[in-house]
Structure formats: structure tokens, C-alpha cells
Amino acid sequence: MRRRLARRITHSRLFQNVVGTSGALYLQLVWQTSRLVLDPADMYERIEPDLPIIVAMWHGQHFMMPFLRRNDPKHRSKVLISHHRDAEINAIAAERLGIGTIRGSGDQGTRFDRKGGVGAFVAMLDALKEGYTVAMTADVPKIGRVAGEGIVRLAAMSGRPIVAIAMATSRRVDMKTWDRAALNLPFSRLALVGGPVIRVPADLDEATLEHYRARVEADLNDATKRAYALADGTTT
């Protein structure tokens, strides 16, 4: 009975709105009290000619990603968020921070019919055509730090490049979850690292698809490693 009541409360729209809004306010606090370190220092100047882009990120390292967007019409952004009820809080927080949302699964791969994959994929293609940068987690669901095929297929069909992005803070709580999530804390050194632009050809055979999937995975791992090293002051 208690479990059922708790479930009803946590799945209520009121509860999700309160938590999502509070989460957005908390993330703003982290952003406003942290010192930003960009790597490379001219990251925005490098990617601007290629806008809109597809931002690849790892699940669990995505909390500060809304602040990647600059207050500029060219930096309009949307993020892919799961249809799962628990993801509704993330969607509310993202929208409070000025990021549009696309609901569905990021693991299209060869099964576009799963978890709203068809609608989400089409919505991402439309958003890119309309000039929105699209951000999505690249992981295979429930398998951390392994990139799926969906993001590569999106780049191939849209003609837009992929850029791996990682953000890390010096003060954080590292969680023991499948995605190695980190809760970012205020008054930190915040490292924002961007990888090289990845241009995926329109015609993909299986070997080419795997090559670019592996490249996205490698670039994300490199960017994440660099972001943590910069945040922790273990590199220059």
C-alpha cells in the first residue's frame, strides 16, 4: 500500500514539476558558482561554421549540458529524452533551462520501432533541418560508455556532423550506477571539452557504420578523460 502510494506521488505531474524545476534551479547554481575551463579555448569558434551539429554525450555526464548552449539564435538546441516516466523530470528541467525536448529512444540502431524510435528519429531530422543543434546520449541503453549506431545513422541521414562533448566538475558525487553518473556540486572548476568534428558519409555499409560508431565512442572517452583531468587539476 505504501509503495503504491509513493509510486502515485512520484509519478504525479505536480511532483515531477516541483522536482524538475528544483533541479533546473540547482544546476543554475552550479553553473553560476563554477569557474569554466574550455578545451579547446576556441571550441565555439571552431564549431560555429558547422552549426547545427549533433552533440554526442555519455549518459550520466549530461546534467550540465544545457549550459553548452550560448544565448545566440544560432545556438538553438533540442535534446533527446526517453519516454520513460522517470525521464519526465529531466525533460522538465531541460525545458526550464531553455532547451527544447524530443521524446523517444536514442538506441534506434536497426530497430526504429522500439520506444518511439521512428517518431524521435524523424523529429531529430526535422530539428536539424530547422537549424536546431540536437544533443543525445550515445550509449547503448543500460550499457555505459558503449556507443550505439543511432547517432551515426542520424548524422548520415541528416548530413550534419557529430561533436563529442564532455563536462566535469571538480566537486562532485560519483555514483555507482551503470552509467557512472556524477552529481555536479557548486563552487567547482567546470571543464567543458569538445572533440573534433566527425563527418559521416551518407552511404553507410556495415564496416563504415562500425568505423564511425567506434570513432564516436573513442572521441567521447577521450573528451571525458580530458574533462575530468582538467576539472581535477591533474593536467594543464
C-alpha atoms as a PDB file:
ATOM      1  CA  MET A   1       0.000   0.000   0.000  1.00  0.00           C
ATOM      2  CA  ARG A   2       2.743   2.436   0.982  1.00  0.00           C
ATOM      3  CA  ARG A   3       4.748   1.526  -2.110  1.00  0.00           C
ATOM      4  CA  ARG A   4       1.719   2.106  -4.320  1.00  0.00           C
ATOM      5  CA  LEU A   5       1.067   5.485  -2.687  1.00  0.00           C
ATOM      6  CA  ALA A   6       4.706   6.522  -3.083  1.00  0.00           C
ATOM      7  CA  ARG A   7       4.570   5.497  -6.745  1.00  0.00           C
ATOM      8  CA  ARG A   8       1.436   7.564  -7.313  1.00  0.00           C
ATOM      9  CA  ILE A   9       3.067  10.594  -5.716  1.00  0.00           C
ATOM     10  CA  THR A  10       6.369  10.340  -7.600  1.00  0.00           C
ATOM     11  CA  HIS A  11       4.563   9.815 -10.910  1.00  0.00           C
ATOM     12  CA  SER A  12       2.206  12.742 -10.397  1.00  0.00           C
ATOM     13  CA  ARG A  13       2.643  15.775 -12.633  1.00  0.00           C
ATOM     14  CA  LEU A  14       2.840  18.082  -9.619  1.00  0.00           C
ATOM     15  CA  PHE A  15       5.711  16.115  -8.062  1.00  0.00           C
ATOM     16  CA  GLN A  16       7.586  15.938 -11.373  1.00  0.00           C
ATOM     17  CA  ASN A  17       7.156  19.684 -11.944  1.00  0.00           C
ATOM     18  CA  VAL A  18       8.450  20.526  -8.468  1.00  0.00           C
ATOM     19  CA  VAL A  19      11.477  18.223  -8.747  1.00  0.00           C
ATOM     20  CA  GLY A  20      12.237  19.196 -12.353  1.00  0.00           C
ATOM     21  CA  THR A  21      12.052  22.908 -11.590  1.00  0.00           C
ATOM     22  CA  SER A  22      14.136  22.483  -8.436  1.00  0.00           C
ATOM     23  CA  GLY A  23      16.680  20.521 -10.437  1.00  0.00           C
ATOM     24  CA  ALA A  24      16.947  23.312 -13.006  1.00  0.00           C
ATOM     25  CA  LEU A  25      17.473  25.893 -10.262  1.00  0.00           C
ATOM     26  CA  TYR A  26      20.146  23.717  -8.671  1.00  0.00           C
ATOM     27  CA  LEU A  27      22.007  23.296 -11.954  1.00  0.00           C
ATOM     28  CA  GLN A  28      21.895  27.066 -12.475  1.00  0.00           C
ATOM     29  CA  LEU A  29      23.504  27.443  -9.045  1.00  0.00           C
ATOM     30  CA  VAL A  30      26.284  25.030 -10.025  1.00  0.00           C
ATOM     31  CA  TRP A  31      26.843  26.890 -13.301  1.00  0.00           C
ATOM     32  CA  GLN A  32      26.854  30.360 -11.771  1.00  0.00           C
ATOM     33  CA  THR A  33      29.226  29.454  -8.934  1.00  0.00           C
ATOM     34  CA  SER A  34      31.718  27.460 -11.001  1.00  0.00           C
ATOM     35  CA  ARG A  35      34.757  28.587 -12.983  1.00  0.00           C
ATOM     36  CA  LEU A  36      34.567  27.468 -16.601  1.00  0.00           C
ATOM     37  CA  VAL A  37      37.562  25.928 -18.353  1.00  0.00           C
ATOM     38  CA  LEU A  38      37.092  25.473 -22.128  1.00  0.00           C
ATOM     39  CA  ASP A  39      39.136  22.967 -24.100  1.00  0.00           C
ATOM     40  CA  PRO A  40      39.977  23.869 -26.752  1.00  0.00           C
ATOM     41  CA  ALA A  41      39.731  27.526 -25.772  1.00  0.00           C
ATOM     42  CA  ASP A  42      38.266  28.393 -29.191  1.00  0.00           C
ATOM     43  CA  MET A  43      35.787  25.493 -29.200  1.00  0.00           C
ATOM     44  CA  TYR A  44      32.781  27.645 -30.070  1.00  0.00           C
ATOM     45  CA  GLU A  45      34.609  29.401 -32.897  1.00  0.00           C
ATOM     46  CA  ARG A  46      35.620  26.009 -34.309  1.00  0.00           C
ATOM     47  CA  ILE A  47      32.134  24.504 -34.351  1.00  0.00           C
ATOM     48  CA  GLU A  48      30.149  27.600 -35.321  1.00  0.00           C
ATOM     49  CA  PRO A  49      30.677  27.183 -39.106  1.00  0.00           C
ATOM     50  CA  ASP A  50      29.204  23.657 -38.824  1.00  0.00           C
ATOM     51  CA  LEU A  51      26.050  24.561 -36.892  1.00  0.00           C
ATOM     52  CA  PRO A  52      23.659  22.918 -36.414  1.00  0.00           C
ATOM     53  CA  ILE A  53      25.556  19.910 -35.098  1.00  0.00           C
ATOM     54  CA  ILE A  54      24.760  16.649 -33.350  1.00  0.00           C
ATOM     55  CA  VAL A  55      26.148  16.713 -29.806  1.00  0.00           C
ATOM     56  CA  ALA A  56      27.188  13.305 -28.507  1.00  0.00           C
ATOM     57  CA  MET A  57      27.423  12.826 -24.735  1.00  0.00           C
ATOM     58  CA  TRP A  58      27.574   9.965 -22.301  1.00  0.00           C
ATOM     59  CA  HIS A  59      24.557   9.194 -20.129  1.00  0.00           C
ATOM     60  CA  GLY A  60      25.174  10.218 -16.532  1.00  0.00           C
ATOM     61  CA  GLN A  61      27.523  13.017 -17.596  1.00  0.00           C
ATOM     62  CA  HIS A  62      24.720  15.088 -19.113  1.00  0.00           C
ATOM     63  CA  PHE A  63      23.410  17.166 -16.211  1.00  0.00           C
ATOM     64  CA  MET A  64      25.316  20.365 -17.077  1.00  0.00           C
ATOM     65  CA  MET A  65      24.871  20.025 -20.838  1.00  0.00           C
ATOM     66  CA  PRO A  66      22.062  22.627 -21.096  1.00  0.00           C
ATOM     67  CA  PHE A  67      24.708  25.263 -20.393  1.00  0.00           C
ATOM     68  CA  LEU A  68      26.611  24.260 -23.521  1.00  0.00           C
ATOM     69  CA  ARG A  69      24.134  26.429 -25.440  1.00  0.00           C
ATOM     70  CA  ARG A  70      25.094  30.067 -25.912  1.00  0.00           C
ATOM     71  CA  ASN A  71      22.498  32.839 -25.788  1.00  0.00           C
ATOM     72  CA  ASP A  72      22.525  33.251 -29.552  1.00  0.00           C
ATOM     73  CA  PRO A  73      19.867  32.367 -32.181  1.00  0.00           C
ATOM     74  CA  LYS A  74      22.438  30.196 -33.968  1.00  0.00           C
ATOM     75  CA  HIS A  75      22.725  28.040 -30.852  1.00  0.00           C
ATOM     76  CA  ARG A  76      19.114  26.877 -30.653  1.00  0.00           C
ATOM     77  CA  SER A  77      19.116  23.369 -29.208  1.00  0.00           C
ATOM     78  CA  LYS A  78      16.938  20.352 -28.585  1.00  0.00           C
ATOM     79  CA  VAL A  79      17.762  17.251 -26.567  1.00  0.00           C
ATOM     80  CA  LEU A  80      16.552  13.681 -26.941  1.00  0.00           C
ATOM     81  CA  ILE A  81      14.991  12.376 -23.713  1.00  0.00           C
ATOM     82  CA  SER A  82      13.417   8.982 -23.106  1.00  0.00           C
ATOM     83  CA  HIS A  83       9.641   8.467 -22.923  1.00  0.00           C
ATOM     84  CA  HIS A  84      10.136   6.705 -19.586  1.00  0.00           C
ATOM     85  CA  ARG A  85       8.200   8.267 -16.705  1.00  0.00           C
ATOM     86  CA  ASP A  86      11.354   8.793 -14.689  1.00  0.00           C
ATOM     87  CA  ALA A  87      12.790  10.857 -17.560  1.00  0.00           C
ATOM     88  CA  GLU A  88       9.916  13.337 -17.310  1.00  0.00           C
ATOM     89  CA  ILE A  89      11.800  15.184 -14.563  1.00  0.00           C
ATOM     90  CA  ASN A  90      14.815  15.539 -16.877  1.00  0.00           C
ATOM     91  CA  ALA A  91      12.560  16.902 -19.621  1.00  0.00           C
ATOM     92  CA  ILE A  92      11.007  19.479 -17.294  1.00  0.00           C
ATOM     93  CA  ALA A  93      14.451  20.600 -16.076  1.00  0.00           C
ATOM     94  CA  ALA A  94      15.771  20.904 -19.634  1.00  0.00           C
ATOM     95  CA  GLU A  95      12.792  22.990 -20.726  1.00  0.00           C
ATOM     96  CA  ARG A  96      13.176  25.266 -17.682  1.00  0.00           C
ATOM     97  CA  LEU A  97      16.770  25.836 -18.834  1.00  0.00           C
ATOM     98  CA  GLY A  98      15.688  26.832 -22.325  1.00  0.00           C
ATOM     99  CA  ILE A  99      16.316  23.555 -24.158  1.00  0.00           C
ATOM    100  CA  GLY A 100      13.647  22.034 -26.384  1.00  0.00           C
ATOM    101  CA  THR A 101      12.939  18.337 -25.928  1.00  0.00           C
ATOM    102  CA  ILE A 102      12.387  15.416 -28.287  1.00  0.00           C
ATOM    103  CA  ARG A 103      10.929  12.342 -26.611  1.00  0.00           C
ATOM    104  CA  GLY A 104      11.968   8.831 -27.570  1.00  0.00           C
ATOM    105  CA  SER A 105      14.794   6.316 -27.500  1.00  0.00           C
ATOM    106  CA  GLY A 106      18.296   7.117 -28.690  1.00  0.00           C
ATOM    107  CA  ASP A 107      19.031   3.464 -29.470  1.00  0.00           C
ATOM    108  CA  GLN A 108      17.465   3.265 -32.897  1.00  0.00           C
ATOM    109  CA  GLY A 109      20.190   1.042 -34.345  1.00  0.00           C
ATOM    110  CA  THR A 110      18.392  -1.295 -36.722  1.00  0.00           C
ATOM    111  CA  ARG A 111      15.190  -1.339 -34.670  1.00  0.00           C
ATOM    112  CA  PHE A 112      13.474   2.001 -35.254  1.00  0.00           C
ATOM    113  CA  ASP A 113      10.173   0.659 -33.920  1.00  0.00           C
ATOM    114  CA  ARG A 114      11.294   0.448 -30.295  1.00  0.00           C
ATOM    115  CA  LYS A 115      10.479   3.022 -27.629  1.00  0.00           C
ATOM    116  CA  GLY A 116       9.159   5.646 -30.031  1.00  0.00           C
ATOM    117  CA  GLY A 117      12.281   5.334 -32.178  1.00  0.00           C
ATOM    118  CA  VAL A 118      10.645   6.208 -35.500  1.00  0.00           C
ATOM    119  CA  GLY A 119       8.986   9.396 -34.256  1.00  0.00           C
ATOM    120  CA  ALA A 120      12.069  10.507 -32.322  1.00  0.00           C
ATOM    121  CA  PHE A 121      14.389   9.889 -35.267  1.00  0.00           C
ATOM    122  CA  VAL A 122      12.146  11.856 -37.644  1.00  0.00           C
ATOM    123  CA  ALA A 123      11.806  14.651 -35.063  1.00  0.00           C
ATOM    124  CA  MET A 124      15.591  14.883 -34.766  1.00  0.00           C
ATOM    125  CA  LEU A 125      15.977  15.041 -38.540  1.00  0.00           C
ATOM    126  CA  ASP A 126      13.351  17.799 -38.686  1.00  0.00           C
ATOM    127  CA  ALA A 127      15.003  19.741 -35.862  1.00  0.00           C
ATOM    128  CA  LEU A 128      18.378  19.642 -37.614  1.00  0.00           C
ATOM    129  CA  LYS A 129      16.772  20.824 -40.863  1.00  0.00           C
ATOM    130  CA  GLU A 130      15.208  23.715 -38.934  1.00  0.00           C
ATOM    131  CA  GLY A 131      18.610  24.779 -37.615  1.00  0.00           C
ATOM    132  CA  TYR A 132      18.480  23.246 -34.133  1.00  0.00           C
ATOM    133  CA  THR A 133      21.537  21.560 -32.696  1.00  0.00           C
ATOM    134  CA  VAL A 134      20.432  18.146 -31.407  1.00  0.00           C
ATOM    135  CA  ALA A 135      22.016  16.646 -28.288  1.00  0.00           C
ATOM    136  CA  MET A 136      21.699  12.983 -27.416  1.00  0.00           C
ATOM    137  CA  THR A 137      23.340  10.395 -25.229  1.00  0.00           C
ATOM    138  CA  ALA A 138      25.315   7.988 -27.400  1.00  0.00           C
ATOM    139  CA  ASP A 139      25.264   4.983 -25.041  1.00  0.00           C
ATOM    140  CA  VAL A 140      23.503   1.747 -25.771  1.00  0.00           C
ATOM    141  CA  PRO A 141      20.724   1.727 -23.119  1.00  0.00           C
ATOM    142  CA  LYS A 142      21.932   0.293 -19.795  1.00  0.00           C
ATOM    143  CA  ILE A 143      25.424  -0.296 -21.201  1.00  0.00           C
ATOM    144  CA  GLY A 144      27.569   2.649 -20.147  1.00  0.00           C
ATOM    145  CA  ARG A 145      30.303   4.101 -22.354  1.00  0.00           C
ATOM    146  CA  VAL A 146      29.446   1.936 -25.373  1.00  0.00           C
ATOM    147  CA  ALA A 147      28.156   3.982 -28.313  1.00  0.00           C
ATOM    148  CA  GLY A 148      25.190   2.745 -30.310  1.00  0.00           C
ATOM    149  CA  GLU A 149      24.540   3.067 -34.022  1.00  0.00           C
ATOM    150  CA  GLY A 150      21.645   5.515 -33.801  1.00  0.00           C
ATOM    151  CA  ILE A 151      23.727   8.687 -33.595  1.00  0.00           C
ATOM    152  CA  VAL A 152      25.820   7.638 -36.612  1.00  0.00           C
ATOM    153  CA  ARG A 153      22.715   6.890 -38.668  1.00  0.00           C
ATOM    154  CA  LEU A 154      21.309  10.286 -37.717  1.00  0.00           C
ATOM    155  CA  ALA A 155      24.479  12.015 -38.938  1.00  0.00           C
ATOM    156  CA  ALA A 156      24.449  10.046 -42.182  1.00  0.00           C
ATOM    157  CA  MET A 157      20.809  10.812 -42.972  1.00  0.00           C
ATOM    158  CA  SER A 158      20.885  14.466 -41.884  1.00  0.00           C
ATOM    159  CA  GLY A 159      24.266  15.410 -43.302  1.00  0.00           C
ATOM    160  CA  ARG A 160      25.118  17.143 -40.024  1.00  0.00           C
ATOM    161  CA  PRO A 161      28.403  16.466 -38.187  1.00  0.00           C
ATOM    162  CA  ILE A 162      28.832  14.917 -34.752  1.00  0.00           C
ATOM    163  CA  VAL A 163      30.869  16.534 -31.975  1.00  0.00           C
ATOM    164  CA  ALA A 164      31.651  14.641 -28.771  1.00  0.00           C
ATOM    165  CA  ILE A 165      31.191  16.833 -25.686  1.00  0.00           C
ATOM    166  CA  ALA A 166      32.102  16.142 -22.068  1.00  0.00           C
ATOM    167  CA  MET A 167      31.640  18.239 -18.935  1.00  0.00           C
ATOM    168  CA  ALA A 168      33.010  17.560 -15.451  1.00  0.00           C
ATOM    169  CA  THR A 169      33.252  19.469 -12.190  1.00  0.00           C
ATOM    170  CA  SER A 170      35.999  19.349  -9.574  1.00  0.00           C
ATOM    171  CA  ARG A 171      33.423  18.969  -6.814  1.00  0.00           C
ATOM    172  CA  ARG A 172      31.021  16.121  -7.475  1.00  0.00           C
ATOM    173  CA  VAL A 173      29.481  12.957  -6.130  1.00  0.00           C
ATOM    174  CA  ASP A 174      30.416   9.939  -8.244  1.00  0.00           C
ATOM    175  CA  MET A 175      27.586   7.412  -8.186  1.00  0.00           C
ATOM    176  CA  LYS A 176      27.899   3.651  -8.512  1.00  0.00           C
ATOM    177  CA  THR A 177      25.389   3.346 -11.349  1.00  0.00           C
ATOM    178  CA  TRP A 178      25.553   1.628 -14.745  1.00  0.00           C
ATOM    179  CA  ASP A 179      26.253   4.980 -16.427  1.00  0.00           C
ATOM    180  CA  ARG A 180      28.820   6.129 -13.822  1.00  0.00           C
ATOM    181  CA  ALA A 181      26.704   9.233 -13.216  1.00  0.00           C
ATOM    182  CA  ALA A 182      28.214  12.231 -11.454  1.00  0.00           C
ATOM    183  CA  LEU A 183      26.220  14.740  -9.419  1.00  0.00           C
ATOM    184  CA  ASN A 184      27.885  18.102 -10.020  1.00  0.00           C
ATOM    185  CA  LEU A 185      28.354  20.354  -6.991  1.00  0.00           C
ATOM    186  CA  PRO A 186      28.549  24.175  -6.740  1.00  0.00           C
ATOM    187  CA  PHE A 187      31.763  26.191  -6.384  1.00  0.00           C
ATOM    188  CA  SER A 188      33.703  23.946  -8.725  1.00  0.00           C
ATOM    189  CA  ARG A 189      36.144  24.128 -11.574  1.00  0.00           C
ATOM    190  CA  LEU A 190      33.929  23.144 -14.510  1.00  0.00           C
ATOM    191  CA  ALA A 191      35.673  21.687 -17.560  1.00  0.00           C
ATOM    192  CA  LEU A 192      33.903  21.728 -20.921  1.00  0.00           C
ATOM    193  CA  VAL A 193      35.726  19.693 -23.572  1.00  0.00           C
ATOM    194  CA  GLY A 194      34.834  19.335 -27.237  1.00  0.00           C
ATOM    195  CA  GLY A 195      36.176  16.703 -29.599  1.00  0.00           C
ATOM    196  CA  PRO A 196      36.927  17.062 -33.302  1.00  0.00           C
ATOM    197  CA  VAL A 197      34.134  17.349 -35.844  1.00  0.00           C
ATOM    198  CA  ILE A 198      33.070  13.935 -37.181  1.00  0.00           C
ATOM    199  CA  ARG A 199      31.588  13.969 -40.691  1.00  0.00           C
ATOM    200  CA  VAL A 200      29.714  10.783 -41.542  1.00  0.00           C
ATOM    201  CA  PRO A 201      29.174   9.889 -45.225  1.00  0.00           C
ATOM    202  CA  ALA A 202      25.611   9.430 -46.431  1.00  0.00           C
ATOM    203  CA  ASP A 203      26.225   5.921 -47.770  1.00  0.00           C
ATOM    204  CA  LEU A 204      26.898   3.542 -44.903  1.00  0.00           C
ATOM    205  CA  ASP A 205      27.783  -0.104 -45.266  1.00  0.00           C
ATOM    206  CA  GLU A 206      28.239  -2.200 -42.142  1.00  0.00           C
ATOM    207  CA  ALA A 207      32.007  -1.665 -41.979  1.00  0.00           C
ATOM    208  CA  THR A 208      31.697   2.108 -42.366  1.00  0.00           C
ATOM    209  CA  LEU A 209      28.916   2.255 -39.783  1.00  0.00           C
ATOM    210  CA  GLU A 210      31.069   0.380 -37.278  1.00  0.00           C
ATOM    211  CA  HIS A 211      34.075   2.612 -38.033  1.00  0.00           C
ATOM    212  CA  TYR A 212      32.159   5.789 -37.173  1.00  0.00           C
ATOM    213  CA  ARG A 213      30.378   4.192 -34.211  1.00  0.00           C
ATOM    214  CA  ALA A 214      33.774   3.263 -32.766  1.00  0.00           C
ATOM    215  CA  ARG A 215      35.093   6.748 -33.524  1.00  0.00           C
ATOM    216  CA  VAL A 216      32.231   8.418 -31.645  1.00  0.00           C
ATOM    217  CA  GLU A 217      32.892   6.102 -28.698  1.00  0.00           C
ATOM    218  CA  ALA A 218      36.630   6.823 -28.725  1.00  0.00           C
ATOM    219  CA  ASP A 219      36.138  10.593 -29.035  1.00  0.00           C
ATOM    220  CA  LEU A 220      33.657  10.606 -26.151  1.00  0.00           C
ATOM    221  CA  ASN A 221      36.009   8.599 -23.955  1.00  0.00           C
ATOM    222  CA  ASP A 222      38.907  10.925 -24.825  1.00  0.00           C
ATOM    223  CA  ALA A 223      36.806  14.044 -24.132  1.00  0.00           C
ATOM    224  CA  THR A 224      35.551  12.598 -20.839  1.00  0.00           C
ATOM    225  CA  LYS A 225      39.045  11.686 -19.681  1.00  0.00           C
ATOM    226  CA  ARG A 226      40.281  15.172 -20.593  1.00  0.00           C
ATOM    227  CA  ALA A 227      37.326  16.872 -18.856  1.00  0.00           C
ATOM    228  CA  TYR A 228      37.929  15.007 -15.593  1.00  0.00           C
ATOM    229  CA  ALA A 229      41.659  15.712 -15.723  1.00  0.00           C
ATOM    230  CA  LEU A 230      41.062  19.434 -16.268  1.00  0.00           C
ATOM    231  CA  ALA A 231      38.395  19.605 -13.579  1.00  0.00           C
ATOM    232  CA  ASP A 232      40.612  17.796 -11.080  1.00  0.00           C
ATOM    233  CA  GLY A 233      43.682  19.850 -11.954  1.00  0.00           C
ATOM    234  CA  THR A 234      45.724  16.795 -12.938  1.00  0.00           C
ATOM    235  CA  THR A 235      46.669  18.224 -16.346  1.00  0.00           C
ATOM    236  CA  THR A 236      47.469  21.617 -17.865  1.00  0.00           C
END
